[in-house]
């Protein structure tokens, strides 16, 4: 019922707010006669402040159209990559007509920024996105207000949040091979859970995780937010802050934690600071300080825009993160999209580097709460774990403003760049080794004889000695090669003593077991022996061919050592 009362009051106030805006312009416009009367500037400032206190605040736009990359202007196109009922995966695509800049943009790391779902819209991270676009391909989770999601879309739980994050990570991995993840405030907990579950299943995990100002362990340095969650019971929250969306919204009937209640809580944490800020705005208008007044408007346009959170998600977050501490106790179970219950095990993460960031003056996530992630991720080697405490920074200062740009971002960028480059180098080395290991080699009869042949002793082979898919030791070297097996009926030179010595019955058996030309895989270890793996019907023919070739090489004159030519497919 409270939600309906609030909406009624807001609807009644809206005309008065519009009137206050018009009156402010009337007393401040240079062509208006009212602007010439005494105290007109004060009257105009008063009406403007009244308008801003009474108006409604909708979701603002990111409003990022260009960024500067090494002195070159790069155009930004914002688009929705994935559209989920409660969230959009939004991409900021960069365009440039400068060839050098475009080449640089293509090789930069991919970053998924997971924005908080804790009252404000993802646009609160506008400065974070704009700064990172200079050096990264940026995606962000843009959460929807629950009052705009119809009941037909179902409920939204904390488990769904975790599953969304995993789906977004897999989406980027499918496009780029892998990505980096940055979580700010509330999503540090579900992001750590998502990566942990991926690691436990043996999936590829992100290259790095950067966690900024989040309640990984809310028991450390508890703040006003933590105390509120622990001093009230789960039932108190369910009975006092959960209401149904009114009929004038698409999500009519959905149980939510309304945005206006969240905003009241935000202001109640620092009422004096907000009162001072509005009074300073009033004085700036009187003085004609348009720059300071505009900065105030931009901040509060963002700060006053709040969204509704689905009741199930909100209540489960209170219980899991702030009351039961399931993550740090190792008792958190998450339901997958298929209905399977999985235990969150951060210790299973081994291939993802971890960087945590805290603000010295953070009054929302206390000191040590984010750093606690290092104690949970014991599978990550110590040299891949890093922590930063930004001196003089509050909660918003670690992801927005001057301290973010000058102190935090350079460290975050260096961390991501280092591990992205290391992975690229490792992948290039693995590819080179794989190419050498699988390079095709000409048939034994076509390969040039080495200048200094090693003597090869051919053991007598009978028809019964051929083992299926087993390795016959014939030569050695750490390079894997593929050669064409001998023909179905091995041709043995009449002058070869071994051929003359074979009984006719044995030769007939070999011809009967021989198959059409096949493929033999050899592992070369040392000059003189080879390991050949062939099919059961090709073994005899391959060994016979090798025996004859060995004798031919043994009788060849020695020559100077020469480099083996590049291999080619037989």
Protein backbone atom coordinates (compact mmCIF):
# COMPACT_ATOMS: atom_id res chain seq x y z
CA UNK A 1 0.00 0.00 0.00
CA UNK A 2 2.92 2.34 0.70
CA UNK A 3 4.05 2.15 -2.93
CA UNK A 4 0.61 3.26 -4.14
CA UNK A 5 0.59 6.17 -1.68
CA UNK A 6 4.04 7.29 -2.84
CA UNK A 7 3.02 7.16 -6.51
CA UNK A 8 -0.13 9.18 -5.78
CA UNK A 9 1.89 11.83 -3.96
CA UNK A 10 4.45 11.98 -6.75
CA UNK A 11 1.73 12.40 -9.36
CA UNK A 12 0.21 15.26 -7.40
CA UNK A 13 3.58 16.98 -6.96
CA UNK A 14 4.60 16.74 -10.61
CA UNK A 15 2.53 19.74 -11.82
CA UNK A 16 3.92 21.91 -9.00
CA UNK A 17 7.46 20.87 -9.91
CA UNK A 18 6.86 21.89 -13.52
CA UNK A 19 5.45 25.21 -12.35
CA UNK A 20 8.53 25.78 -10.17
CA UNK A 21 10.77 25.17 -13.19
CA UNK A 22 8.81 27.66 -15.30
CA UNK A 23 8.88 30.27 -12.50
CA UNK A 24 12.64 29.85 -12.13
CA UNK A 25 13.15 30.61 -15.82
CA UNK A 26 10.73 33.51 -15.65
CA UNK A 27 12.73 35.20 -12.90
CA UNK A 28 16.13 34.48 -14.44
CA UNK A 29 15.66 35.01 -18.20
CA UNK A 30 17.27 38.23 -19.39
CA UNK A 31 14.30 39.23 -21.56
CA UNK A 32 11.78 38.83 -18.72
CA UNK A 33 10.66 41.96 -16.82
CA UNK A 34 10.54 39.93 -13.58
CA UNK A 35 14.29 39.33 -13.82
CA UNK A 36 14.81 43.10 -13.24
CA UNK A 37 13.10 43.30 -9.85
CA UNK A 38 15.16 43.15 -6.62
CA UNK A 39 16.04 39.68 -5.34
CA UNK A 40 14.97 38.12 -8.67
CA UNK A 41 18.09 35.94 -8.70
CA UNK A 42 17.29 34.57 -5.24
CA UNK A 43 13.68 33.87 -6.19
CA UNK A 44 14.79 32.09 -9.33
CA UNK A 45 17.31 29.99 -7.38
CA UNK A 46 14.65 29.05 -4.82
CA UNK A 47 12.22 27.89 -7.52
CA UNK A 48 14.97 25.94 -9.27
CA UNK A 49 15.85 24.13 -6.04
CA UNK A 50 12.17 23.38 -5.40
CA UNK A 51 11.88 21.95 -8.91
CA UNK A 52 14.84 19.63 -8.42
CA UNK A 53 13.55 18.40 -5.06
CA UNK A 54 10.08 17.65 -6.42
CA UNK A 55 10.74 16.29 -9.94
CA UNK A 56 10.91 12.61 -10.86
CA UNK A 57 14.23 11.12 -11.93
CA UNK A 58 14.27 8.55 -14.70
CA UNK A 59 17.17 6.36 -15.77
CA UNK A 60 19.84 8.62 -17.32
CA UNK A 61 21.78 7.78 -20.47
CA UNK A 62 25.45 6.82 -20.53
CA UNK A 63 25.95 9.70 -22.98
CA UNK A 64 29.40 8.50 -24.12
CA UNK A 65 29.86 9.43 -27.77
CA UNK A 66 33.62 9.85 -28.19
CA UNK A 67 36.80 9.06 -26.28
CA UNK A 68 40.36 10.19 -26.84
CA UNK A 69 42.89 7.45 -27.65
CA UNK A 70 46.44 8.81 -27.89
CA UNK A 71 45.20 12.12 -29.24
CA UNK A 72 42.83 10.55 -31.78
CA UNK A 73 39.07 10.93 -31.36
CA UNK A 74 37.32 7.53 -31.38
CA UNK A 75 33.57 7.32 -31.96
CA UNK A 76 31.49 5.20 -29.56
CA UNK A 77 28.41 3.28 -30.61
CA UNK A 78 26.37 1.90 -27.72
CA UNK A 79 24.33 -1.22 -28.39
CA UNK A 80 22.68 -4.13 -26.56
CA UNK A 81 24.59 -7.37 -27.09
CA UNK A 82 22.36 -9.72 -25.03
CA UNK A 83 18.86 -8.98 -23.81
CA UNK A 84 17.71 -10.81 -20.69
CA UNK A 85 14.46 -10.18 -18.77
CA UNK A 86 16.21 -8.40 -15.89
CA UNK A 87 19.43 -7.26 -17.55
CA UNK A 88 21.01 -6.12 -20.79
CA UNK A 89 24.60 -6.85 -21.72
CA UNK A 90 25.59 -3.52 -23.23
CA UNK A 91 28.59 -3.05 -25.51
CA UNK A 92 30.45 0.18 -26.30
CA UNK A 93 31.74 -0.40 -29.82
CA UNK A 94 34.63 1.85 -30.88
CA UNK A 95 35.17 3.18 -34.41
CA UNK A 96 38.07 5.07 -35.97
CA UNK A 97 39.19 6.01 -39.49
CA UNK A 98 42.84 6.19 -38.41
CA UNK A 99 44.53 2.90 -39.48
CA UNK A 100 47.13 2.89 -36.70
CA UNK A 101 44.52 3.60 -34.02
CA UNK A 102 42.17 0.97 -35.43
CA UNK A 103 44.93 -1.65 -35.38
CA UNK A 104 45.66 -0.78 -31.76
CA UNK A 105 41.99 -1.00 -30.76
CA UNK A 106 41.66 -4.49 -32.22
CA UNK A 107 44.39 -5.94 -29.99
CA UNK A 108 43.25 -4.44 -26.69
CA UNK A 109 41.85 -6.60 -23.84
CA UNK A 110 38.14 -7.36 -23.42
CA UNK A 111 36.61 -6.28 -20.10
CA UNK A 112 33.22 -7.16 -18.63
CA UNK A 113 32.16 -4.59 -16.03
CA UNK A 114 29.53 -6.03 -13.70
CA UNK A 115 27.55 -3.09 -12.35
CA UNK A 116 25.83 -3.24 -8.97
CA UNK A 117 22.17 -4.09 -8.59
CA UNK A 118 21.71 -2.24 -5.32
CA UNK A 119 19.48 0.72 -6.04
CA UNK A 120 21.20 2.80 -8.71
CA UNK A 121 21.42 2.18 -12.44
CA UNK A 122 24.58 1.05 -14.22
CA UNK A 123 25.04 4.63 -15.48
CA UNK A 124 26.54 5.35 -12.05
CA UNK A 125 29.68 3.76 -13.55
CA UNK A 126 29.75 6.17 -16.50
CA UNK A 127 33.17 7.52 -15.51
CA UNK A 128 34.45 3.97 -15.10
CA UNK A 129 33.33 3.04 -18.61
CA UNK A 130 34.59 6.23 -20.25
CA UNK A 131 38.05 5.86 -18.69
CA UNK A 132 38.41 2.19 -19.60
CA UNK A 133 37.34 2.70 -23.20
CA UNK A 134 40.71 4.28 -23.95
CA UNK A 135 42.52 0.96 -23.49
CA UNK A 136 39.89 -1.80 -23.52
CA UNK A 137 36.92 -3.30 -25.31
CA UNK A 138 34.19 -2.65 -22.76
CA UNK A 139 30.94 -4.45 -21.94
CA UNK A 140 28.70 -3.69 -18.96
CA UNK A 141 25.70 -5.27 -17.25
CA UNK A 142 22.79 -2.82 -17.41
CA UNK A 143 20.17 -3.97 -14.87
CA UNK A 144 16.48 -3.23 -15.36
CA UNK A 145 14.16 -1.88 -12.72
CA UNK A 146 11.95 -4.73 -11.52
CA UNK A 147 8.86 -2.54 -11.83
CA UNK A 148 9.35 -2.64 -15.61
CA UNK A 149 9.55 -6.46 -15.83
CA UNK A 150 6.14 -8.18 -16.27
CA UNK A 151 5.21 -10.98 -13.91
CA UNK A 152 5.15 -13.34 -16.89
CA UNK A 153 8.99 -13.21 -16.94
CA UNK A 154 9.12 -15.04 -13.61
CA UNK A 155 11.01 -14.32 -10.43
CA UNK A 156 14.59 -13.17 -10.05
CA UNK A 157 16.80 -14.72 -7.38
CA UNK A 158 20.42 -14.30 -6.30
CA UNK A 159 21.09 -17.60 -8.10
CA UNK A 160 19.79 -16.02 -11.32
CA UNK A 161 22.24 -13.15 -10.88
CA UNK A 162 25.11 -15.64 -10.63
CA UNK A 163 23.85 -17.52 -13.70
CA UNK A 164 23.54 -14.27 -15.70
CA UNK A 165 27.19 -13.44 -14.96
CA UNK A 166 28.32 -16.89 -16.11
CA UNK A 167 26.32 -16.57 -19.31
CA UNK A 168 27.84 -13.17 -20.08
CA UNK A 169 31.36 -14.48 -19.45
CA UNK A 170 30.78 -17.46 -21.76
CA UNK A 171 29.38 -15.13 -24.41
CA UNK A 172 32.56 -13.04 -24.45
CA UNK A 173 34.75 -16.13 -24.34
CA UNK A 174 32.92 -17.44 -27.39
CA UNK A 175 33.75 -14.25 -29.30
CA UNK A 176 37.25 -13.38 -28.07
CA UNK A 177 38.52 -16.58 -26.45
CA UNK A 178 38.53 -15.06 -22.96
CA UNK A 179 37.95 -11.82 -21.04
CA UNK A 180 38.66 -9.87 -17.86
CA UNK A 181 35.98 -9.17 -15.22
CA UNK A 182 35.60 -6.08 -13.04
CA UNK A 183 32.95 -6.01 -10.30
CA UNK A 184 32.06 -2.87 -8.36
CA UNK A 185 30.48 -3.01 -4.88
CA UNK A 186 27.57 -5.47 -4.54
CA UNK A 187 28.42 -7.79 -7.50
CA UNK A 188 31.81 -8.79 -6.05
CA UNK A 189 30.03 -11.62 -4.21
CA UNK A 190 28.00 -13.11 -7.11
CA UNK A 191 30.93 -12.62 -9.53
CA UNK A 192 33.24 -14.57 -7.22
CA UNK A 193 30.56 -17.27 -7.00
CA UNK A 194 30.13 -17.39 -10.78
CA UNK A 195 33.86 -17.78 -11.46
CA UNK A 196 34.16 -20.35 -8.66
CA UNK A 197 31.40 -22.50 -10.16
CA UNK A 198 33.00 -22.30 -13.61
CA UNK A 199 36.33 -23.40 -12.13
CA UNK A 200 34.73 -26.29 -10.23
CA UNK A 201 33.19 -27.57 -13.47
CA UNK A 202 36.49 -27.33 -15.29
CA UNK A 203 35.35 -24.47 -17.53
CA UNK A 204 37.69 -21.74 -18.75
CA UNK A 205 37.65 -18.91 -16.23
CA UNK A 206 38.37 -15.21 -16.92
CA UNK A 207 41.99 -14.12 -17.18
CA UNK A 208 41.64 -11.70 -14.26
CA UNK A 209 39.10 -10.64 -11.63
CA UNK A 210 39.17 -7.09 -10.28
CA UNK A 211 36.94 -6.55 -7.24
CA UNK A 212 36.30 -3.03 -6.00
CA UNK A 213 34.64 -2.05 -2.72
CA UNK A 214 32.49 -5.14 -2.20
CA UNK A 215 31.22 -7.03 0.89
CA UNK A 216 33.07 -10.33 0.39
CA UNK A 217 33.27 -10.68 4.19
CA UNK A 218 30.79 -8.24 5.71
CA UNK A 219 31.96 -9.12 9.24
CA UNK A 220 35.13 -7.02 8.83
CA UNK A 221 34.92 -3.33 9.77
CA UNK A 222 31.10 -3.27 9.71
CA UNK A 223 29.49 -0.07 8.43
CA UNK A 224 26.01 1.40 8.84
CA UNK A 225 24.81 -0.78 5.95
CA UNK A 226 26.16 -3.93 7.62
CA UNK A 227 24.70 -3.03 10.99
CA UNK A 228 21.25 -2.47 9.54
CA UNK A 229 21.32 -5.90 7.90
CA UNK A 230 22.48 -7.68 11.04
CA UNK A 231 20.32 -5.86 13.57
CA UNK A 232 17.10 -6.67 11.74
CA UNK A 233 15.75 -10.13 11.09
CA UNK A 234 14.95 -11.58 7.68
CA UNK A 235 11.25 -11.41 8.54
CA UNK A 236 11.54 -7.72 9.43
CA UNK A 237 12.85 -6.88 5.97
CA UNK A 238 10.19 -9.01 4.30
CA UNK A 239 7.37 -7.34 6.26
CA UNK A 240 8.57 -3.72 6.21
CA UNK A 241 10.39 -2.97 2.96
CA UNK A 242 8.76 -5.27 0.41
CA UNK A 243 5.76 -3.96 -1.55
CA UNK A 244 3.93 -4.73 -4.77
CA UNK A 245 4.33 -2.60 -7.89
CA UNK A 246 1.27 -0.37 -8.63
CA UNK A 247 -0.92 -0.94 -11.67
CA UNK A 248 0.53 1.91 -13.74
CA UNK A 249 3.82 0.00 -14.39
CA UNK A 250 4.51 -3.02 -16.64
CA UNK A 251 5.57 -5.05 -13.60
CA UNK A 252 2.27 -4.50 -11.79
CA UNK A 253 1.87 -6.93 -8.90
CA UNK A 254 5.55 -7.90 -8.64
CA UNK A 255 7.01 -7.94 -5.14
CA UNK A 256 9.90 -5.45 -4.97
CA UNK A 257 12.10 -3.42 -2.71
CA UNK A 258 11.07 0.03 -4.06
CA UNK A 259 13.66 2.50 -5.25
CA UNK A 260 12.22 5.40 -3.28
CA UNK A 261 12.79 3.49 0.00
CA UNK A 262 16.37 2.78 -1.05
CA UNK A 263 16.90 6.45 -1.85
CA UNK A 264 15.59 7.38 1.58
CA UNK A 265 18.13 5.04 3.10
CA UNK A 266 20.96 6.53 1.03
CA UNK A 267 20.15 10.07 2.15
CA UNK A 268 19.66 8.99 5.77
CA UNK A 269 23.25 7.74 5.88
CA UNK A 270 24.64 11.27 5.31
CA UNK A 271 21.80 13.80 5.69
CA UNK A 272 24.07 16.71 6.63
CA UNK A 273 26.25 16.23 3.56
CA UNK A 274 23.25 16.27 1.22
CA UNK A 275 21.71 19.31 2.92
CA UNK A 276 24.99 21.18 2.58
CA UNK A 277 25.28 20.18 -1.07
CA UNK A 278 21.83 21.56 -1.90
CA UNK A 279 22.50 24.80 -0.03
CA UNK A 280 25.77 25.22 -1.94
CA UNK A 281 23.82 24.70 -5.16
CA UNK A 282 21.44 27.47 -4.14
CA UNK A 283 24.36 29.84 -3.49
CA UNK A 284 26.01 28.92 -6.81
CA UNK A 285 22.83 29.88 -8.65
CA UNK A 286 22.75 33.24 -6.88
CA UNK A 287 26.39 33.91 -7.70
CA UNK A 288 25.94 32.81 -11.28
CA UNK A 289 28.51 30.01 -10.95
CA UNK A 290 27.09 27.93 -13.78
CA UNK A 291 29.93 25.37 -13.81
CA UNK A 292 29.45 24.39 -10.15
CA UNK A 293 25.67 24.37 -10.53
CA UNK A 294 25.89 22.08 -13.57
CA UNK A 295 28.20 19.70 -11.71
CA UNK A 296 25.62 19.48 -8.92
CA UNK A 297 22.83 18.75 -11.42
CA UNK A 298 24.80 15.98 -13.12
CA UNK A 299 25.62 14.27 -9.85
CA UNK A 300 22.09 14.33 -8.47
CA UNK A 301 20.48 13.40 -11.77
CA UNK A 302 22.44 10.18 -11.36
CA UNK A 303 22.16 9.82 -7.61
CA UNK A 304 18.41 10.42 -7.44
CA UNK A 305 17.62 7.94 -10.23
CA UNK A 306 16.89 4.63 -8.48
CA UNK A 307 15.39 1.32 -9.53
CA UNK A 308 13.25 -1.32 -7.85
CA UNK A 309 14.85 -4.65 -6.93
CA UNK A 310 12.99 -7.94 -7.10
CA UNK A 311 12.05 -9.01 -3.57
CA UNK A 312 13.49 -12.53 -3.82
CA UNK A 313 16.87 -11.27 -4.98
CA UNK A 314 17.04 -8.57 -2.32
CA UNK A 315 16.01 -10.79 0.60
CA UNK A 316 18.36 -13.60 -0.44
CA UNK A 317 21.24 -11.13 -0.68
CA UNK A 318 20.52 -9.86 2.85
CA UNK A 319 20.48 -13.39 4.24
CA UNK A 320 23.35 -14.91 2.23
CA UNK A 321 25.82 -12.02 2.33
CA UNK A 322 25.06 -9.98 5.46
CA UNK A 323 23.46 -12.41 7.92
CA UNK A 324 24.64 -15.99 7.28
CA UNK A 325 27.97 -15.17 5.55
CA UNK A 326 27.56 -18.28 3.41
CA UNK A 327 30.41 -17.39 1.06
CA UNK A 328 33.11 -17.10 3.73
CA UNK A 329 31.74 -20.11 5.64
CA UNK A 330 31.79 -22.28 2.51
CA UNK A 331 28.09 -23.16 2.78
CA UNK A 332 26.67 -21.34 -0.24
CA UNK A 333 24.78 -23.51 -2.72
CA UNK A 334 23.62 -22.10 -6.06
CA UNK A 335 20.96 -23.57 -8.33
CA UNK A 336 22.04 -23.75 -11.97
CA UNK A 337 19.65 -23.03 -14.89
CA UNK A 338 19.15 -26.81 -15.21
CA UNK A 339 18.08 -27.08 -11.56
CA UNK A 340 21.29 -28.65 -10.26
CA UNK A 341 22.52 -27.55 -6.82
CA UNK A 342 26.23 -26.63 -6.82
CA UNK A 343 28.47 -25.61 -3.92
CA UNK A 344 30.47 -22.39 -4.33
CA UNK A 345 34.18 -23.20 -3.84
CA UNK A 346 36.47 -20.18 -4.41
CA UNK A 347 39.49 -22.39 -3.66
CA UNK A 348 38.90 -24.14 -7.01
CA UNK A 349 39.94 -21.01 -8.93
CA UNK A 350 43.52 -21.53 -10.10
CA UNK A 351 44.00 -19.82 -13.48
CA UNK A 352 42.45 -16.39 -12.77
CA UNK A 353 44.54 -13.57 -11.30
CA UNK A 354 42.91 -11.53 -8.51
CA UNK A 355 43.10 -7.79 -7.79
CA UNK A 356 41.12 -6.17 -4.96
CA UNK A 357 40.62 -2.42 -4.47
CA UNK A 358 39.35 -0.63 -1.36
CA UNK A 359 38.89 3.02 -0.45
CA UNK A 360 40.48 4.29 2.74
CA UNK A 361 37.35 6.27 3.65
CA UNK A 362 34.74 3.85 2.30
CA UNK A 363 31.64 4.07 4.50
CA UNK A 364 29.65 1.39 2.63
CA UNK A 365 32.11 -1.52 2.32
CA UNK A 366 34.43 -1.33 5.28
CA UNK A 367 38.17 -1.86 5.30
CA UNK A 368 39.15 -5.48 4.70
CA UNK A 369 35.78 -6.64 3.38
CA UNK A 370 36.96 -6.84 -0.23
CA UNK A 371 40.49 -7.93 0.63
CA UNK A 372 38.96 -11.04 2.24
CA UNK A 373 38.67 -12.53 -1.26
CA UNK A 374 42.39 -13.41 -1.09
CA UNK A 375 41.78 -15.64 1.94
CA UNK A 376 39.09 -17.54 0.04
CA UNK A 377 40.90 -17.96 -3.30
CA UNK A 378 43.65 -20.20 -1.95
CA UNK A 379 44.08 -21.93 -5.32
CA UNK A 380 45.50 -18.75 -6.89
CA UNK A 381 49.26 -18.48 -6.43
CA UNK A 382 50.35 -15.54 -4.30
CA UNK A 383 52.18 -13.73 -7.07
CA UNK A 384 48.87 -13.51 -8.96
CA UNK A 385 47.07 -11.81 -6.05
CA UNK A 386 47.24 -8.03 -5.60
CA UNK A 387 45.55 -5.47 -3.35
CA UNK A 388 45.26 -1.67 -3.40
CA UNK A 389 43.94 0.72 -0.76
CA UNK A 390 43.25 4.09 -2.36
CA UNK A 391 44.25 6.74 0.16
CA UNK A 392 41.67 9.46 0.73
CA UNK A 393 39.06 7.73 -1.46
CA UNK A 394 35.52 7.06 -0.35
CA UNK A 395 33.21 4.44 -1.82
CA UNK A 396 32.47 6.34 -5.04
CA UNK A 397 36.04 7.59 -5.32
CA UNK A 398 37.42 4.16 -6.20
CA UNK A 399 35.43 3.97 -9.45
CA UNK A 400 34.57 7.59 -10.30
CA UNK A 401 36.28 10.95 -10.15
CA UNK A 402 39.85 12.13 -9.91
CA UNK A 403 41.17 9.42 -7.57
CA UNK A 404 39.73 6.73 -9.82
CA UNK A 405 41.39 8.22 -12.89
CA UNK A 406 44.73 9.13 -11.29
CA UNK A 407 45.25 6.44 -8.64
CA UNK A 408 43.08 3.38 -9.17
CA UNK A 409 42.75 3.08 -12.94
CA UNK A 410 46.49 3.07 -13.76
CA UNK A 411 46.93 0.09 -11.42
CA UNK A 412 43.89 -1.73 -12.80
CA UNK A 413 45.01 -1.14 -16.38
CA UNK A 414 48.56 -2.37 -15.67
CA UNK A 415 47.20 -5.47 -13.95
CA UNK A 416 44.93 -6.37 -16.87
CA UNK A 417 47.55 -5.56 -19.51
CA UNK A 418 50.22 -7.67 -17.82
CA UNK A 419 48.11 -10.82 -17.64
CA UNK A 420 46.54 -10.33 -21.05
CA UNK A 421 49.99 -10.07 -22.63
CA UNK A 422 51.24 -13.09 -20.67
CA UNK A 423 48.32 -15.20 -21.88
CA UNK A 424 48.84 -14.06 -25.48
CA UNK A 425 52.52 -15.03 -25.31
CA UNK A 426 51.67 -18.39 -23.78
CA UNK A 427 49.04 -19.08 -26.45
CA UNK A 428 51.49 -18.17 -29.22
CA UNK A 429 54.10 -20.53 -27.78
CA UNK A 430 51.57 -23.35 -27.45
CA UNK A 431 50.45 -22.83 -31.04
CA UNK A 432 54.03 -22.96 -32.28
CA UNK A 433 54.71 -26.20 -30.40
CA UNK A 434 51.46 -27.72 -31.70
CA UNK A 435 52.37 -26.78 -35.28
CA UNK A 436 55.81 -28.39 -34.98
CA UNK A 437 54.40 -31.47 -33.29
CA UNK A 438 51.83 -32.06 -36.01
CA UNK A 439 53.85 -31.08 -39.07
CA UNK A 440 53.59 -33.73 -41.84
CA UNK A 441 56.74 -35.48 -43.09
CA UNK A 442 57.35 -37.12 -46.45
CA UNK A 443 57.26 -40.89 -46.75
CA UNK A 444 60.36 -42.68 -45.60
CA UNK A 445 61.32 -43.51 -49.17
CA UNK A 446 61.18 -39.83 -50.25
CA UNK A 447 63.16 -38.33 -47.35
CA UNK A 448 66.85 -37.64 -48.07
CA UNK A 449 69.30 -39.86 -46.23
CA UNK A 450 71.19 -38.16 -43.38
CA UNK A 451 74.86 -37.52 -43.95
CA UNK A 452 75.93 -39.62 -40.96
CA UNK A 453 73.50 -42.50 -40.72
CA UNK A 454 73.16 -44.23 -37.41
CA UNK A 455 73.31 -47.98 -37.60
CA UNK A 456 69.92 -49.59 -37.19
CA UNK A 457 69.53 -53.17 -36.14
CA UNK A 458 66.38 -54.68 -37.58
CA UNK A 459 65.02 -57.40 -35.37
CA UNK A 460 63.45 -60.36 -37.16
CA UNK A 461 59.72 -59.87 -37.52
CA UNK A 462 57.20 -62.61 -38.02
CA UNK A 463 53.53 -62.39 -38.84
CA UNK A 464 52.59 -63.12 -35.24
CA UNK A 465 54.71 -60.23 -33.91
CA UNK A 466 52.38 -57.47 -35.13
CA UNK A 467 50.41 -56.09 -32.14
CA UNK A 468 47.31 -53.96 -32.81
CA UNK A 469 48.06 -50.23 -32.52
CA UNK A 470 51.20 -50.96 -30.55
CA UNK A 471 54.47 -49.15 -30.98
CA UNK A 472 57.44 -50.80 -32.67
CA UNK A 473 60.69 -49.16 -31.56
CA UNK A 474 62.56 -48.10 -34.66
CA UNK A 475 64.02 -44.58 -34.09
CA UNK A 476 63.93 -41.59 -31.63
CA UNK A 477 63.50 -37.74 -31.36
CA UNK A 478 60.91 -35.59 -29.54
CA UNK A 479 59.14 -34.68 -32.77
CA UNK A 480 55.90 -36.42 -33.74
CA UNK A 481 55.70 -37.24 -37.45
CA UNK A 482 53.18 -38.86 -39.77
CA UNK A 483 54.35 -41.01 -42.65
CA UNK A 484 52.55 -43.11 -45.20
CA UNK A 485 52.74 -46.82 -44.47
CA UNK A 486 54.06 -49.25 -46.98
CA UNK A 487 51.91 -50.63 -49.79
CA UNK A 488 49.69 -53.63 -49.24
CA UNK A 489 52.29 -56.06 -50.64
CA UNK A 490 55.80 -55.01 -49.64
CA UNK A 491 58.24 -55.12 -52.52
CA UNK A 492 61.57 -56.54 -51.39
CA UNK A 493 64.60 -56.30 -53.64
CA UNK A 494 65.77 -59.75 -54.78
CA UNK A 495 69.30 -58.91 -53.65
CA UNK A 496 68.23 -58.34 -50.06
CA UNK A 497 69.36 -61.30 -47.97
CA UNK A 498 66.52 -60.85 -45.52
CA UNK A 499 63.99 -61.25 -48.29
CA UNK A 500 65.64 -64.39 -49.61
CA UNK A 501 65.88 -65.87 -46.15
CA UNK A 502 62.14 -65.48 -45.40
CA UNK A 503 60.19 -68.70 -45.86
CA UNK A 504 57.47 -68.53 -48.48
CA UNK A 505 54.83 -69.31 -45.87
CA UNK A 506 55.84 -66.26 -43.82
CA UNK A 507 55.80 -63.99 -46.90
CA UNK A 508 52.34 -65.28 -47.81
CA UNK A 509 51.11 -64.54 -44.29
CA UNK A 510 52.47 -60.98 -44.52
CA UNK A 511 50.74 -60.43 -47.84
CA UNK A 512 47.49 -61.80 -46.45
CA UNK A 513 47.55 -59.45 -43.41
CA UNK A 514 48.68 -56.34 -45.25
CA UNK A 515 46.11 -53.59 -45.78
CA UNK A 516 45.98 -50.80 -48.37
CA UNK A 517 48.36 -47.93 -47.70
CA UNK A 518 47.68 -46.51 -44.22
CA UNK A 519 49.21 -43.88 -41.93
CA UNK A 520 51.89 -44.54 -39.31
CA UNK A 521 52.61 -42.10 -36.47
CA UNK A 522 56.21 -41.99 -35.28
CA UNK A 523 57.75 -40.44 -32.18
CA UNK A 524 61.41 -39.68 -32.94
CA UNK A 525 63.60 -39.83 -29.82
CA UNK A 526 67.28 -40.42 -30.65
CA UNK A 527 69.05 -40.91 -33.97
CA UNK A 528 68.76 -44.59 -34.50
CA UNK A 529 65.40 -45.69 -33.12
CA UNK A 530 61.78 -44.79 -34.01
CA UNK A 531 58.47 -45.52 -32.36
CA UNK A 532 55.82 -46.31 -34.97
CA UNK A 533 52.15 -46.66 -34.13
CA UNK A 534 50.14 -48.27 -36.90
CA UNK A 535 46.96 -50.18 -37.40
CA UNK A 536 47.10 -53.97 -36.95
CA UNK A 537 47.11 -54.63 -40.71
CA UNK A 538 49.74 -52.05 -41.63
CA UNK A 539 52.32 -52.91 -38.96
CA UNK A 540 54.03 -55.76 -40.79
CA UNK A 541 54.35 -53.80 -44.03
CA UNK A 542 55.68 -50.71 -42.23
CA UNK A 543 58.26 -52.72 -40.26
CA UNK A 544 59.39 -54.59 -43.37
CA UNK A 545 59.79 -51.30 -45.21
CA UNK A 546 61.72 -49.80 -42.29
CA UNK A 547 64.02 -52.82 -42.10
CA UNK A 548 64.93 -52.54 -45.78
CA UNK A 549 65.41 -48.77 -45.53
CA UNK A 550 67.69 -49.20 -42.51
CA UNK A 551 69.94 -51.59 -44.43
CA UNK A 552 70.07 -49.21 -47.36
CA UNK A 553 71.07 -46.33 -45.07
CA UNK A 554 73.70 -48.42 -43.32
CA UNK A 555 75.45 -49.07 -46.63
CA UNK A 556 75.34 -45.42 -47.80
CA UNK A 557 78.62 -43.44 -47.62
CA UNK A 558 79.01 -40.86 -44.84
CA UNK A 559 78.55 -37.21 -45.78
CA UNK A 560 78.70 -33.83 -44.06
CA UNK A 561 75.81 -33.06 -41.69
CA UNK A 562 73.00 -31.15 -43.34
CA UNK A 563 69.80 -29.63 -41.95
CA UNK A 564 66.64 -31.64 -42.55
CA UNK A 565 64.47 -29.85 -45.13
CA UNK A 566 61.03 -28.53 -44.21
CA UNK A 567 58.50 -31.30 -43.86
CA UNK A 568 55.74 -31.74 -46.35
CA UNK A 569 52.64 -33.86 -46.36
CA UNK A 570 53.26 -37.40 -47.70
